[in-house]
Amino acid sequence: MRHFDRDSSGPLYILTGIAGDVGRPKWKQHPLDVYVIPDREASNYMTMTVTPNQLVVKAFLADGTQIDESVIEK
């Protein structure tokens, strides 16, 4: 993200889970979002694999279904 636009030269923001009260109004798709899980109350987790030249972050549902992945190469 750079200057409020998606840009591969800017920082990568990775968010998982939700914050705050889930009883609030439903999540709305934002134009900068790459992926939003269909059920915002579904449990999920992330893994991170680090090598000398690469960082891989994956997001999964509780049942093991992969829902997203980001790779950063050095």
N, C-alpha and C. Protein backbone atom coordinates (compact mmCIF):
# COMPACT_ATOMS: atom_id res chain seq x y z
N MET A 1 0.85 -1.16 0.00
CA MET A 1 0.00 0.00 0.00
C MET A 1 0.90 1.23 0.00
N ARG A 2 0.58 2.17 -0.85
CA ARG A 2 1.33 3.42 -0.90
C ARG A 2 0.37 4.51 -1.36
N HIS A 3 0.33 5.61 -0.63
CA HIS A 3 -0.56 6.73 -0.96
C HIS A 3 -2.01 6.28 -1.09
N PHE A 4 -2.42 5.37 -0.21
CA PHE A 4 -3.79 4.86 -0.15
C PHE A 4 -4.22 4.07 -1.39
N ASP A 5 -3.24 3.52 -2.11
CA ASP A 5 -3.50 2.64 -3.24
C ASP A 5 -2.71 1.37 -3.07
N ARG A 6 -3.21 0.27 -3.64
CA ARG A 6 -2.46 -0.99 -3.62
C ARG A 6 -1.23 -0.81 -4.49
N ASP A 7 -0.06 -1.10 -3.93
CA ASP A 7 1.20 -0.88 -4.64
C ASP A 7 2.24 -1.84 -4.09
N SER A 8 2.83 -2.67 -4.95
CA SER A 8 3.77 -3.68 -4.48
C SER A 8 5.06 -3.07 -3.92
N SER A 9 5.32 -1.80 -4.17
CA SER A 9 6.53 -1.17 -3.62
C SER A 9 6.31 -0.62 -2.21
N GLY A 10 5.06 -0.63 -1.76
CA GLY A 10 4.75 -0.14 -0.42
C GLY A 10 4.74 -1.27 0.58
N PRO A 11 4.45 -0.96 1.86
CA PRO A 11 4.40 -2.01 2.89
C PRO A 11 3.22 -2.96 2.68
N LEU A 12 3.37 -4.17 3.16
CA LEU A 12 2.32 -5.18 3.10
C LEU A 12 1.68 -5.29 4.48
N TYR A 13 0.39 -5.10 4.58
CA TYR A 13 -0.33 -5.22 5.84
C TYR A 13 -1.06 -6.54 5.84
N ILE A 14 -0.82 -7.36 6.86
CA ILE A 14 -1.46 -8.67 6.97
C ILE A 14 -2.27 -8.67 8.25
N LEU A 15 -3.58 -8.87 8.14
CA LEU A 15 -4.47 -8.91 9.28
C LEU A 15 -5.17 -10.24 9.33
N THR A 16 -5.36 -10.75 10.52
CA THR A 16 -6.13 -11.98 10.68
C THR A 16 -7.04 -11.82 11.87
N GLY A 17 -8.16 -12.49 11.81
CA GLY A 17 -9.12 -12.40 12.91
C GLY A 17 -9.87 -11.08 12.88
N ILE A 18 -10.56 -10.83 13.97
CA ILE A 18 -11.33 -9.61 14.08
C ILE A 18 -10.92 -8.90 15.36
N ALA A 19 -11.27 -7.66 15.46
CA ALA A 19 -10.98 -6.89 16.67
C ALA A 19 -12.28 -6.22 17.11
N GLY A 20 -12.46 -6.12 18.40
CA GLY A 20 -13.63 -5.42 18.91
C GLY A 20 -14.84 -6.31 19.02
N ASP A 21 -15.97 -5.67 19.14
CA ASP A 21 -17.25 -6.34 19.38
C ASP A 21 -17.81 -6.89 18.07
N VAL A 22 -17.99 -8.22 17.99
CA VAL A 22 -18.52 -8.82 16.75
C VAL A 22 -19.99 -8.50 16.55
N GLY A 23 -20.65 -7.92 17.53
CA GLY A 23 -22.05 -7.54 17.39
C GLY A 23 -22.26 -6.25 16.63
N ARG A 24 -21.19 -5.58 16.31
CA ARG A 24 -21.27 -4.32 15.56
C ARG A 24 -21.70 -4.60 14.13
N PRO A 25 -21.96 -3.54 13.34
CA PRO A 25 -22.37 -3.76 11.94
C PRO A 25 -21.38 -4.65 11.20
N LYS A 26 -21.89 -5.38 10.23
CA LYS A 26 -21.08 -6.35 9.48
C LYS A 26 -19.93 -5.67 8.74
N TRP A 27 -18.85 -6.45 8.54
CA TRP A 27 -17.68 -5.98 7.81
C TRP A 27 -18.07 -5.63 6.39
N LYS A 28 -17.53 -4.56 5.88
CA LYS A 28 -17.80 -4.15 4.51
C LYS A 28 -16.53 -4.30 3.68
N GLN A 29 -16.67 -4.80 2.47
CA GLN A 29 -15.53 -4.92 1.56
C GLN A 29 -14.97 -3.53 1.27
N HIS A 30 -13.67 -3.39 1.37
CA HIS A 30 -13.00 -2.13 1.07
C HIS A 30 -12.20 -2.32 -0.21
N PRO A 31 -12.09 -1.29 -1.07
CA PRO A 31 -11.40 -1.46 -2.34
C PRO A 31 -9.93 -1.89 -2.22
N LEU A 32 -9.29 -1.63 -1.07
CA LEU A 32 -7.90 -2.03 -0.90
C LEU A 32 -7.76 -3.45 -0.38
N ASP A 33 -8.85 -4.06 0.08
CA ASP A 33 -8.79 -5.43 0.59
C ASP A 33 -8.53 -6.39 -0.56
N VAL A 34 -7.61 -7.32 -0.33
CA VAL A 34 -7.37 -8.37 -1.32
C VAL A 34 -8.33 -9.53 -1.05
N TYR A 35 -8.55 -9.84 0.22
CA TYR A 35 -9.42 -10.96 0.56
C TYR A 35 -10.09 -10.69 1.89
N VAL A 36 -11.37 -10.96 1.97
CA VAL A 36 -12.11 -10.90 3.23
C VAL A 36 -12.82 -12.24 3.38
N ILE A 37 -12.61 -12.89 4.51
CA ILE A 37 -13.22 -14.19 4.77
C ILE A 37 -14.75 -14.05 4.76
N PRO A 38 -15.47 -14.99 4.16
CA PRO A 38 -16.93 -14.89 4.08
C PRO A 38 -17.63 -14.81 5.43
N ASP A 39 -17.17 -15.58 6.41
CA ASP A 39 -17.78 -15.57 7.74
C ASP A 39 -16.80 -14.92 8.70
N ARG A 40 -17.03 -13.67 9.04
CA ARG A 40 -16.06 -12.93 9.84
C ARG A 40 -15.92 -13.47 11.26
N GLU A 41 -16.82 -14.32 11.69
CA GLU A 41 -16.73 -14.90 13.03
C GLU A 41 -16.06 -16.27 13.03
N ALA A 42 -15.63 -16.74 11.85
CA ALA A 42 -14.98 -18.05 11.76
C ALA A 42 -13.58 -17.97 12.37
N SER A 43 -13.22 -18.99 13.13
CA SER A 43 -11.87 -19.05 13.69
C SER A 43 -10.87 -19.26 12.57
N ASN A 44 -9.69 -18.65 12.72
CA ASN A 44 -8.64 -18.82 11.73
C ASN A 44 -7.30 -18.67 12.41
N TYR A 45 -6.25 -19.08 11.70
CA TYR A 45 -4.90 -18.96 12.23
C TYR A 45 -3.93 -18.72 11.08
N MET A 46 -2.73 -18.28 11.42
CA MET A 46 -1.71 -18.02 10.41
C MET A 46 -0.44 -18.79 10.73
N THR A 47 0.30 -19.12 9.67
CA THR A 47 1.63 -19.69 9.83
C THR A 47 2.61 -18.78 9.10
N MET A 48 3.85 -18.79 9.56
CA MET A 48 4.89 -17.99 8.92
C MET A 48 6.12 -18.87 8.73
N THR A 49 6.61 -18.93 7.50
CA THR A 49 7.81 -19.68 7.18
C THR A 49 8.87 -18.69 6.73
N VAL A 50 10.04 -18.75 7.36
CA VAL A 50 11.11 -17.81 7.05
C VAL A 50 12.34 -18.59 6.58
N THR A 51 12.87 -18.18 5.43
CA THR A 51 14.13 -18.71 4.93
C THR A 51 15.05 -17.51 4.72
N PRO A 52 16.31 -17.73 4.37
CA PRO A 52 17.20 -16.59 4.16
C PRO A 52 16.71 -15.61 3.08
N ASN A 53 15.92 -16.09 2.13
CA ASN A 53 15.50 -15.22 1.03
C ASN A 53 14.00 -15.04 0.89
N GLN A 54 13.22 -15.60 1.81
CA GLN A 54 11.78 -15.56 1.61
C GLN A 54 11.01 -15.61 2.94
N LEU A 55 9.90 -14.91 2.96
CA LEU A 55 8.96 -14.94 4.08
C LEU A 55 7.60 -15.34 3.49
N VAL A 56 7.02 -16.43 4.00
CA VAL A 56 5.73 -16.90 3.51
C VAL A 56 4.75 -16.90 4.68
N VAL A 57 3.64 -16.18 4.52
CA VAL A 57 2.60 -16.12 5.54
C VAL A 57 1.34 -16.72 4.92
N LYS A 58 0.75 -17.70 5.61
CA LYS A 58 -0.47 -18.35 5.13
C LYS A 58 -1.55 -18.24 6.19
N ALA A 59 -2.79 -18.05 5.75
CA ALA A 59 -3.94 -18.01 6.66
C ALA A 59 -4.83 -19.21 6.38
N PHE A 60 -5.33 -19.82 7.47
CA PHE A 60 -6.15 -21.03 7.37
C PHE A 60 -7.40 -20.90 8.23
N LEU A 61 -8.47 -21.56 7.80
CA LEU A 61 -9.64 -21.74 8.67
C LEU A 61 -9.30 -22.82 9.69
N ALA A 62 -10.11 -22.93 10.73
CA ALA A 62 -9.86 -23.90 11.79
C ALA A 62 -9.79 -25.34 11.27
N ASP A 63 -10.50 -25.62 10.16
CA ASP A 63 -10.48 -26.98 9.62
C ASP A 63 -9.28 -27.26 8.72
N GLY A 64 -8.37 -26.28 8.58
CA GLY A 64 -7.16 -26.46 7.77
C GLY A 64 -7.26 -25.94 6.36
N THR A 65 -8.42 -25.44 5.94
CA THR A 65 -8.58 -24.88 4.60
C THR A 65 -7.77 -23.59 4.48
N GLN A 66 -6.87 -23.54 3.50
CA GLN A 66 -6.08 -22.32 3.30
C GLN A 66 -6.96 -21.26 2.65
N ILE A 67 -6.94 -20.03 3.21
CA ILE A 67 -7.78 -18.97 2.67
C ILE A 67 -6.97 -17.82 2.06
N ASP A 68 -5.67 -17.75 2.37
CA ASP A 68 -4.86 -16.67 1.80
C ASP A 68 -3.38 -17.00 1.97
N GLU A 69 -2.55 -16.33 1.18
CA GLU A 69 -1.10 -16.53 1.27
C GLU A 69 -0.41 -15.28 0.74
N SER A 70 0.67 -14.87 1.40
CA SER A 70 1.51 -13.76 0.94
C SER A 70 2.95 -14.22 0.99
N VAL A 71 3.70 -13.88 -0.05
CA VAL A 71 5.12 -14.24 -0.13
C VAL A 71 5.92 -12.95 -0.35
N ILE A 72 6.95 -12.77 0.47
CA ILE A 72 7.85 -11.65 0.31
C ILE A 72 9.23 -12.23 0.04
N GLU A 73 9.84 -11.80 -1.07
CA GLU A 73 11.17 -12.30 -1.42
C GLU A 73 12.20 -11.21 -1.25
N LYS A 74 13.37 -11.61 -0.79
CA LYS A 74 14.46 -10.68 -0.55
C LYS A 74 15.13 -10.31 -1.85
